[in-house]
Structures are given as C-alpha cells and as structure tokens.
Amino acid sequence: MGNILVSAYVLLTVKTGKEYDVVDEIKKRVPMNKIRDISIVYGMFDIVIAVDAHSLGDLERIVLEIRKIPYVSSTTTLVSAKT
C-alpha cells in the first residue's frame, strides 16, 4: 500500500463471546489493505487491530465504521509515532 502516513492500533472491548463475530464483521467492513494485523487478545481489551491509513481522516473513517459493528462496546485508538 503506497504512501502510508498514519499507523495506529485500535483496541476494542466487545460483548463477551462475540469476539470472533466482531472480527468477521471487521473483515467485511474494512478493506483488508488497511489492516496490517487483527488479533483476539486477553486482558483489558478483546481485539487489537493494527491499521495503516493514508491520513487521519482515513483513520477516522475506519474507526467510525468499526464502532458501528454490533457488540463493539468501546474503542481506544493509539496513533503510532514514527521511529
């Protein structure tokens, strides 16, 4: 994917038992070239998504689409610093 300007991690909390359903829905709604990795995890958050976007506006559209998914309780977005 050319000209990635924004990398971020989107941390989700979802309804218990719905993690796999939410992952499946994310894969339907968010272009796979925008998702670097998606994992179900244990702890404070349930799903972690590594996202590559062209701009902050592009990232915002991705996060807003994820928030529309049933069973997503909350999201926390961490924009990655360049290293």
Protein backbone atom coordinates (compact mmCIF):
# COMPACT_ATOMS: atom_id res chain seq x y z
CA MET A 1 0.00 0.00 0.00
CA GLY A 2 1.68 3.24 -1.05
CA ASN A 3 2.05 6.46 0.92
CA ILE A 4 1.02 5.28 4.38
CA LEU A 5 1.08 8.36 6.55
CA VAL A 6 -0.70 7.11 9.66
CA SER A 7 -0.26 3.82 11.50
CA ALA A 8 -2.42 3.11 14.51
CA TYR A 9 -3.60 0.42 16.88
CA VAL A 10 -7.33 0.22 17.54
CA LEU A 11 -8.16 -1.56 20.81
CA LEU A 12 -11.69 -2.89 21.16
CA THR A 13 -13.81 -4.15 24.00
CA VAL A 14 -16.71 -6.30 22.84
CA LYS A 15 -19.58 -8.27 24.34
CA THR A 16 -18.28 -11.47 25.90
CA GLY A 17 -18.42 -14.38 23.49
CA LYS A 18 -18.77 -12.18 20.40
CA GLU A 19 -15.06 -11.68 19.65
CA TYR A 20 -14.97 -13.93 16.57
CA ASP A 21 -18.22 -12.44 15.22
CA VAL A 22 -16.77 -8.94 15.53
CA VAL A 23 -13.51 -9.96 13.80
CA ASP A 24 -15.51 -11.47 10.92
CA GLU A 25 -17.55 -8.28 10.61
CA ILE A 26 -14.44 -6.07 10.65
CA LYS A 27 -13.02 -8.13 7.78
CA LYS A 28 -16.22 -7.47 5.80
CA ARG A 29 -16.41 -3.72 6.50
CA VAL A 30 -12.79 -2.55 6.49
CA PRO A 31 -10.64 -3.02 3.37
CA MET A 32 -8.01 -5.66 4.13
CA ASN A 33 -5.26 -3.46 2.66
CA LYS A 34 -5.91 -1.10 5.61
CA ILE A 35 -5.49 -3.83 8.25
CA ARG A 36 -1.92 -4.90 8.96
CA ASP A 37 -2.96 -7.33 11.72
CA ILE A 38 -6.02 -8.24 13.73
CA SER A 39 -5.86 -10.35 16.91
CA ILE A 40 -8.16 -11.52 19.65
CA VAL A 41 -6.33 -10.89 22.92
CA TYR A 42 -6.90 -11.41 26.65
CA GLY A 43 -6.89 -8.71 29.28
CA MET A 44 -8.36 -5.21 29.39
CA PHE A 45 -9.13 -5.32 25.64
CA ASP A 46 -10.60 -8.08 23.50
CA ILE A 47 -9.38 -7.27 19.98
CA VAL A 48 -6.34 -5.35 18.71
CA ILE A 49 -6.22 -4.11 15.13
CA ALA A 50 -3.07 -2.66 13.52
CA VAL A 51 -4.27 -0.17 10.90
CA ASP A 52 -2.42 1.63 8.10
CA ALA A 53 -4.18 4.71 6.73
CA HIS A 54 -3.41 7.44 4.22
CA SER A 55 -4.40 10.25 6.60
CA LEU A 56 -6.04 10.99 9.94
CA GLY A 57 -9.31 11.41 8.06
CA ASP A 58 -8.89 7.94 6.56
CA LEU A 59 -8.17 6.54 10.03
CA GLU A 60 -11.26 8.28 11.39
CA ARG A 61 -13.46 6.67 8.71
CA ILE A 62 -12.06 3.23 9.59
CA VAL A 63 -12.63 3.70 13.33
CA LEU A 64 -16.15 5.06 12.83
CA GLU A 65 -17.00 2.03 10.67
CA ILE A 66 -15.68 -0.32 13.38
CA ARG A 67 -17.75 1.48 16.04
CA LYS A 68 -20.94 0.75 14.06
CA ILE A 69 -20.44 -3.01 14.43
CA PRO A 70 -22.89 -4.69 16.82
CA TYR A 71 -21.33 -5.91 20.08
CA VAL A 72 -18.46 -3.37 20.00
CA SER A 73 -18.65 -1.72 23.42
CA SER A 74 -15.77 0.74 23.10
CA THR A 75 -12.67 1.58 21.11
CA THR A 76 -9.35 3.17 22.03
CA THR A 77 -7.14 4.36 19.17
CA LEU A 78 -3.40 4.72 19.59
CA VAL A 79 -1.71 6.61 16.74
CA SER A 80 1.80 5.28 16.25
CA ALA A 81 4.80 7.61 16.37
CA LYS A 82 7.40 7.28 13.64
CA THR A 83 10.57 5.59 14.89
